[in-house]
Amino acid sequence: MPRPTIPKLSGSRIRSAALLIIDREGLDGLSMRRLAQELGVRAPSLYGHVATKDDLLQEVVDEVLEKVDVSGFTGGDWRGGLLDCARSYRAALSAHPNIVPFLAYGPARREHALARLDAVHGGLLEAGWPRRHATMIAASLMYLVFGAALSSFRSGFSTDESVYRDRFPHLDKAHLLPAVADELDRDSFELALTAFVDGLELLKASANLDGRE
């Protein structure tokens, strides 16, 4: 009889399977044993491709965030750079919200994450922002993006009109929100992002920031 075929492992296949588990079951659902089961192999065979679960998560995050666009910061266009970065970052995280808590640990030793942060920080400095402001702007952008990726009106409101009628007169249309959750999430993010960048533009125009650290 022919010997049973053992699925061929690769870094790409391992990362894809790990992300699939995270998307379905959350970060707590991922273990090397669970991953091996998903791939149809024995757990020890995974260690020829990845040393630890933490290393695997670092690689998965890098792959998820490959499409984050920081190219707009070149040439001193800090506003366009922030808008492109925020929108592409939100899109990447919204596709895989269960990975977001892992990102709360910061860029750590992820080369790609540090390279993106360096591009953002460098673009802001090149545009004339003081170093301290550049750091705060980058941090504020992450707060906005992470919050948008984790929050949605999709599960926040009941479709039962009686929950709100009479008791909450200013929320008499709240039962309609779940049906437009995607649109509301997108437009609310755009409102917050535009207000954030517009506010920064006003700050930069009205304050003498040159030479401040």
Protein backbone atom coordinates (compact mmCIF):
# COMPACT_ATOMS: atom_id res chain seq x y z
CA MET A 1 0.00 0.00 0.00
CA PRO A 2 1.21 3.53 -0.66
CA ARG A 3 2.29 5.44 2.42
CA PRO A 4 -0.10 8.21 3.55
CA THR A 5 0.80 11.63 2.22
CA ILE A 6 2.11 14.05 4.83
CA PRO A 7 1.06 17.62 4.07
CA LYS A 8 4.04 19.72 3.07
CA LEU A 9 4.76 22.54 5.46
CA SER A 10 5.94 26.01 4.59
CA GLY A 11 6.16 29.28 6.45
CA SER A 12 3.35 30.73 4.36
CA ARG A 13 1.03 27.77 4.98
CA ILE A 14 1.73 27.84 8.71
CA ARG A 15 1.01 31.57 8.94
CA SER A 16 -2.20 31.23 6.94
CA ALA A 17 -3.44 28.41 9.16
CA ALA A 18 -2.53 30.33 12.32
CA LEU A 19 -4.41 33.42 11.12
CA LEU A 20 -7.43 31.30 10.22
CA ILE A 21 -7.52 29.94 13.78
CA ILE A 22 -7.16 33.43 15.25
CA ASP A 23 -9.95 34.76 13.03
CA ARG A 24 -12.26 31.92 14.09
CA GLU A 25 -11.31 31.38 17.72
CA GLY A 26 -9.35 34.40 18.88
CA LEU A 27 -5.78 34.60 20.15
CA ASP A 28 -6.49 32.19 23.00
CA GLY A 29 -7.53 29.58 20.47
CA LEU A 30 -4.08 29.41 18.91
CA SER A 31 -1.57 26.91 20.25
CA MET A 32 1.12 24.94 18.50
CA ARG A 33 -0.87 21.75 19.12
CA ARG A 34 -4.05 23.31 17.72
CA LEU A 35 -2.12 24.64 14.74
CA ALA A 36 -0.63 21.22 14.03
CA GLN A 37 -4.12 19.72 14.14
CA GLU A 38 -5.34 22.33 11.65
CA LEU A 39 -2.47 21.48 9.31
CA GLY A 40 -2.77 17.72 9.75
CA VAL A 41 0.76 17.27 11.11
CA ARG A 42 2.43 16.56 14.44
CA ALA A 43 3.30 19.57 16.59
CA PRO A 44 7.09 18.93 16.67
CA SER A 45 7.23 19.30 12.88
CA LEU A 46 6.24 22.96 13.21
CA TYR A 47 9.40 23.86 15.08
CA GLY A 48 11.52 23.42 11.98
CA HIS A 49 9.76 26.50 10.60
CA VAL A 50 9.01 28.63 13.66
CA ALA A 51 10.72 28.63 17.07
CA THR A 52 7.86 29.72 19.34
CA LYS A 53 4.23 30.74 19.28
CA ASP A 54 5.29 34.32 19.98
CA ASP A 55 7.63 34.30 16.98
CA LEU A 56 4.80 32.94 14.86
CA LEU A 57 2.47 35.72 16.01
CA GLN A 58 5.10 38.30 15.12
CA GLU A 59 5.28 36.85 11.61
CA VAL A 60 1.49 36.68 11.26
CA VAL A 61 1.13 40.33 12.29
CA ASP A 62 3.80 41.40 9.80
CA GLU A 63 1.89 39.62 7.04
CA VAL A 64 -1.44 41.16 8.06
CA LEU A 65 0.05 44.65 8.06
CA GLU A 66 1.96 44.36 4.78
CA LYS A 67 -0.63 46.58 3.08
CA VAL A 68 -0.32 49.46 5.53
CA ASP A 69 0.70 52.38 3.32
CA VAL A 70 3.30 54.83 4.66
CA SER A 71 4.56 55.93 1.24
CA GLY A 72 2.58 59.18 1.41
CA PHE A 73 4.94 60.72 3.93
CA THR A 74 7.62 61.30 1.33
CA GLY A 75 8.08 64.89 0.23
CA GLY A 76 6.76 66.45 3.43
CA ASP A 77 3.06 65.66 2.83
CA TRP A 78 2.34 64.77 6.44
CA ARG A 79 -1.45 65.22 6.06
CA GLY A 80 -1.73 62.87 3.08
CA GLY A 81 0.64 60.46 4.77
CA LEU A 82 -1.50 60.29 7.91
CA LEU A 83 -4.71 59.80 5.94
CA ASP A 84 -3.30 57.01 3.75
CA CYS A 85 -1.64 55.30 6.70
CA ALA A 86 -4.75 55.42 8.90
CA ARG A 87 -7.13 54.18 6.21
CA SER A 88 -4.93 51.30 5.10
CA TYR A 89 -4.14 50.38 8.73
CA ARG A 90 -7.84 50.27 9.64
CA ALA A 91 -8.59 48.13 6.58
CA ALA A 92 -5.89 45.63 7.54
CA LEU A 93 -7.02 45.36 11.16
CA SER A 94 -10.74 45.33 10.39
CA ALA A 95 -10.18 42.21 8.29
CA HIS A 96 -8.59 40.47 11.31
CA PRO A 97 -9.81 42.18 14.52
CA ASN A 98 -8.83 39.28 16.76
CA ILE A 99 -5.14 40.02 16.14
CA VAL A 100 -5.45 43.58 17.50
CA PRO A 101 -4.87 42.74 21.20
CA PHE A 102 -1.46 41.30 20.30
CA LEU A 103 -0.55 44.65 18.76
CA ALA A 104 -1.16 46.35 22.11
CA TYR A 105 2.33 45.21 23.09
CA GLY A 106 3.74 47.73 20.61
CA PRO A 107 6.14 47.21 17.69
CA ALA A 108 8.46 45.10 19.90
CA ARG A 109 11.10 43.50 17.69
CA ARG A 110 9.01 43.42 14.52
CA GLU A 111 11.24 44.86 11.83
CA HIS A 112 8.36 45.78 9.53
CA ALA A 113 6.47 47.54 12.34
CA LEU A 114 9.53 49.53 13.33
CA ALA A 115 10.17 50.45 9.69
CA ARG A 116 6.59 51.76 9.34
CA LEU A 117 6.88 53.74 12.56
CA ASP A 118 10.21 55.14 11.41
CA ALA A 119 8.61 56.29 8.13
CA VAL A 120 5.73 57.99 9.95
CA HIS A 121 8.00 59.66 12.49
CA GLY A 122 10.50 60.69 9.83
CA GLY A 123 7.80 62.13 7.60
CA LEU A 124 6.42 64.24 10.43
CA LEU A 125 9.88 65.52 11.35
CA GLU A 126 10.60 66.34 7.71
CA ALA A 127 7.37 68.35 7.57
CA GLY A 128 8.52 70.48 10.50
CA TRP A 129 6.81 68.84 13.45
CA PRO A 130 8.91 68.82 16.65
CA ARG A 131 10.06 65.39 17.80
CA ARG A 132 7.70 65.30 20.79
CA HIS A 133 4.70 66.21 18.66
CA ALA A 134 5.66 63.63 16.04
CA THR A 135 5.68 60.95 18.74
CA MET A 136 2.30 62.04 20.10
CA ILE A 137 0.77 62.24 16.62
CA ALA A 138 1.92 58.71 15.77
CA ALA A 139 0.56 57.43 19.09
CA SER A 140 -2.77 59.25 18.64
CA LEU A 141 -3.13 57.78 15.16
CA MET A 142 -2.72 54.29 16.60
CA TYR A 143 -5.37 54.97 19.27
CA LEU A 144 -7.79 56.03 16.55
CA VAL A 145 -7.05 53.08 14.27
CA PHE A 146 -7.09 50.41 16.99
CA GLY A 147 -10.32 51.74 18.46
CA ALA A 148 -11.99 51.72 15.05
CA ALA A 149 -10.83 48.15 14.40
CA LEU A 150 -12.23 46.88 17.70
CA SER A 151 -15.48 48.87 17.87
CA SER A 152 -18.59 48.56 15.75
CA PHE A 153 -22.24 49.48 15.94
CA ARG A 154 -22.97 46.05 14.48
CA SER A 155 -23.59 44.48 17.90
CA GLY A 156 -24.18 47.62 19.92
CA PHE A 157 -27.89 48.11 19.28
CA SER A 158 -30.97 45.93 19.20
CA THR A 159 -33.18 45.78 16.12
CA ASP A 160 -36.20 45.71 18.42
CA GLU A 161 -37.82 49.16 18.20
CA SER A 162 -39.61 48.68 21.53
CA VAL A 163 -36.28 48.70 23.40
CA TYR A 164 -35.89 52.41 22.67
CA ARG A 165 -39.38 53.75 21.94
CA ASP A 166 -40.83 55.94 24.71
CA ARG A 167 -38.01 55.22 27.18
CA PHE A 168 -35.24 56.86 25.07
CA PRO A 169 -36.93 59.40 22.82
CA HIS A 170 -33.68 60.66 21.29
CA LEU A 171 -32.78 57.11 20.27
CA ASP A 172 -36.07 56.37 18.54
CA LYS A 173 -34.20 55.35 15.35
CA ALA A 174 -31.47 53.34 17.09
CA HIS A 175 -33.05 50.05 16.04
CA LEU A 176 -32.12 50.93 12.44
CA LEU A 177 -28.38 51.23 13.15
CA PRO A 178 -27.39 47.53 12.84
CA ALA A 179 -28.62 47.53 9.22
CA VAL A 180 -26.16 50.31 8.31
CA ALA A 181 -23.34 49.25 10.62
CA ASP A 182 -20.64 49.01 7.94
CA GLU A 183 -21.51 52.41 6.48
CA LEU A 184 -21.71 53.99 9.93
CA ASP A 185 -18.39 52.49 11.01
CA ARG A 186 -16.67 53.76 7.87
CA ASP A 187 -18.16 57.24 7.98
CA SER A 188 -17.58 57.62 11.72
CA PHE A 189 -13.93 56.68 11.29
CA GLU A 190 -13.60 59.18 8.44
CA LEU A 191 -15.19 61.90 10.57
CA ALA A 192 -12.81 61.25 13.48
CA LEU A 193 -9.78 60.97 11.19
CA THR A 194 -10.58 64.16 9.30
CA ALA A 195 -11.23 66.08 12.54
CA PHE A 196 -7.92 64.78 13.92
CA VAL A 197 -5.89 65.84 10.89
CA ASP A 198 -7.73 69.16 10.51
CA GLY A 199 -7.03 69.90 14.16
CA LEU A 200 -3.35 69.15 13.70
CA GLU A 201 -3.25 71.44 10.69
CA LEU A 202 -4.74 74.27 12.74
CA LEU A 203 -2.26 73.61 15.53
CA LYS A 204 0.68 73.68 13.16
CA ALA A 205 -0.53 76.90 11.52
CA SER A 206 -1.25 78.74 14.77
CA ALA A 207 1.67 77.64 16.95
CA ASN A 208 5.34 78.37 16.59
CA LEU A 209 6.61 74.80 16.69
CA ASP A 210 9.89 75.27 14.87
CA GLY A 211 12.89 74.27 16.91
CA ARG A 212 10.85 72.67 19.72
CA GLU A 213 11.60 69.12 20.73
